Amino acid sequence: MKKEELEKEVRLLKERVEANKKMSDGYVDDLAKAEQELKDFNKPVLTSTQLADIEAAIERAVEDFNFDEPDSFEYDFSLSYENRIEIESLNFMGHYELNERIAKEIFALFKEAEDDNS
């Protein structure tokens, strides 16, 4: 084979690789879209107004929650090198009550229906 023929073959192979790469990228995008559609297939459809209502319900529940209640936290104290009392760790313990408040606000927005398991 001559040098010119080899250069031509290399150029053609590079073009094929590039074309296949672009086609493959298109398939990857199509696959991601199809996977998302499959994931979302059984999800209920909500309007933007309904989503805004859910967001507002969560906001109300969180805003009405009393984060200042000392019993909602578990904390450990320590002494610093300057003999100052410091909070070493702080854990929020009121998550169950907060979850309940959020769920109650969201459930109030909907009417419950029976599952269609038959």
Protein backbone atom coordinates (compact mmCIF):
# COMPACT_ATOMS: atom_id res chain seq x y z
CA MET A 1 0.00 0.00 0.00
CA LYS A 2 1.17 3.46 -0.78
CA LYS A 3 1.38 6.27 1.71
CA GLU A 4 -1.45 8.21 0.03
CA GLU A 5 -3.75 5.17 0.21
CA LEU A 6 -2.98 4.71 3.90
CA GLU A 7 -3.62 8.39 4.62
CA LYS A 8 -6.92 8.16 2.77
CA GLU A 9 -7.93 5.03 4.71
CA VAL A 10 -7.03 6.69 8.02
CA ARG A 11 -9.06 9.76 7.08
CA LEU A 12 -12.08 7.61 6.10
CA LEU A 13 -11.86 5.60 9.31
CA LYS A 14 -11.69 8.79 11.38
CA GLU A 15 -14.79 10.10 9.59
CA ARG A 16 -16.64 6.83 10.27
CA VAL A 17 -15.64 6.88 13.95
CA GLU A 18 -16.82 10.48 14.27
CA ALA A 19 -20.13 9.71 12.53
CA ASN A 20 -20.71 6.68 14.76
CA LYS A 21 -19.84 8.73 17.83
CA LYS A 22 -22.45 11.36 16.93
CA MET A 23 -25.02 8.64 16.25
CA SER A 24 -24.14 6.96 19.55
CA ASP A 25 -24.55 10.24 21.44
CA GLY A 26 -28.02 10.55 19.92
CA TYR A 27 -28.86 7.05 21.13
CA VAL A 28 -27.61 7.89 24.62
CA ASP A 29 -29.90 10.94 24.72
CA ASP A 30 -32.84 8.88 23.41
CA LEU A 31 -32.15 6.20 26.00
CA ALA A 32 -32.08 8.74 28.84
CA LYS A 33 -35.42 10.20 27.66
CA ALA A 34 -37.01 6.74 27.40
CA GLU A 35 -35.73 5.75 30.86
CA GLN A 36 -37.18 8.94 32.35
CA GLU A 37 -40.53 8.33 30.62
CA LEU A 38 -40.58 4.78 32.00
CA LYS A 39 -39.73 6.05 35.47
CA ASP A 40 -42.55 8.64 35.25
CA PHE A 41 -45.08 6.28 33.63
CA ASN A 42 -47.21 5.50 36.72
CA LYS A 43 -46.78 8.87 38.39
CA PRO A 44 -49.96 10.89 38.75
CA VAL A 45 -50.05 14.01 36.61
CA LEU A 46 -50.40 17.31 38.46
CA THR A 47 -51.02 20.76 37.12
CA SER A 48 -48.69 23.62 37.97
CA THR A 49 -51.45 24.99 40.24
CA GLN A 50 -51.60 21.72 42.15
CA LEU A 51 -47.83 21.65 42.51
CA ALA A 52 -47.92 25.22 43.81
CA ASP A 53 -50.59 24.17 46.34
CA ILE A 54 -48.36 21.32 47.54
CA GLU A 55 -45.41 23.67 47.86
CA ALA A 56 -47.55 26.13 49.85
CA ALA A 57 -48.77 23.31 52.12
CA ILE A 58 -45.20 22.27 52.89
CA GLU A 59 -44.25 25.89 53.49
CA ARG A 60 -47.15 26.34 55.95
CA ALA A 61 -46.26 23.18 57.85
CA VAL A 62 -42.59 24.13 58.18
CA GLU A 63 -43.31 27.76 59.06
CA ASP A 64 -45.80 26.73 61.75
CA PHE A 65 -43.38 24.27 63.32
CA ASN A 66 -41.74 25.56 66.50
CA PHE A 67 -38.01 25.06 65.98
CA ASP A 68 -37.33 26.97 69.21
CA GLU A 69 -38.64 24.10 71.37
CA PRO A 70 -35.63 22.81 73.34
CA ASP A 71 -37.11 19.30 73.54
CA SER A 72 -36.89 19.05 69.75
CA PHE A 73 -33.11 18.91 69.94
CA GLU A 74 -30.52 16.66 71.47
CA TYR A 75 -27.22 18.35 72.17
CA ASP A 76 -23.88 17.63 73.80
CA PHE A 77 -21.78 20.27 75.51
CA SER A 78 -18.03 20.51 75.87
CA LEU A 79 -15.49 22.90 77.33
CA SER A 80 -13.18 24.75 74.99
CA TYR A 81 -9.53 25.52 75.70
CA GLU A 82 -10.65 29.00 76.79
CA ASN A 83 -12.98 27.39 79.38
CA ARG A 84 -16.04 28.33 77.36
CA ILE A 85 -19.03 26.06 77.12
CA GLU A 86 -19.65 25.00 73.53
CA ILE A 87 -22.25 22.85 71.86
CA GLU A 88 -20.29 19.93 70.48
CA SER A 89 -23.15 18.31 68.60
CA LEU A 90 -26.74 19.24 67.86
CA ASN A 91 -29.32 16.76 66.56
CA PHE A 92 -32.84 17.67 65.54
CA MET A 93 -35.22 15.20 67.19
CA GLY A 94 -38.54 16.68 66.04
CA HIS A 95 -38.46 15.19 62.55
CA TYR A 96 -41.39 12.83 63.21
CA GLU A 97 -43.68 15.69 64.24
CA LEU A 98 -42.50 17.83 61.32
CA ASN A 99 -43.14 14.95 58.90
CA GLU A 100 -46.63 14.54 60.36
CA ARG A 101 -47.40 18.24 59.94
CA ILE A 102 -46.22 18.24 56.33
CA ALA A 103 -48.16 15.07 55.51
CA LYS A 104 -51.32 16.44 57.16
CA GLU A 105 -51.13 19.66 55.09
CA ILE A 106 -50.56 17.75 51.84
CA PHE A 107 -53.23 15.11 52.53
CA ALA A 108 -55.74 17.90 53.15
CA LEU A 109 -55.32 18.93 49.50
CA PHE A 110 -56.48 15.58 48.10
CA LYS A 111 -59.38 13.17 48.21
CA GLU A 112 -58.24 9.58 48.76
CA ALA A 113 -59.32 6.89 46.31
CA GLU A 114 -59.13 3.12 46.48
CA ASP A 115 -56.19 1.43 44.75
CA ASP A 116 -56.98 -0.44 41.54
CA ASN A 117 -55.18 -3.70 42.36
CA SER A 118 -57.58 -5.98 40.53
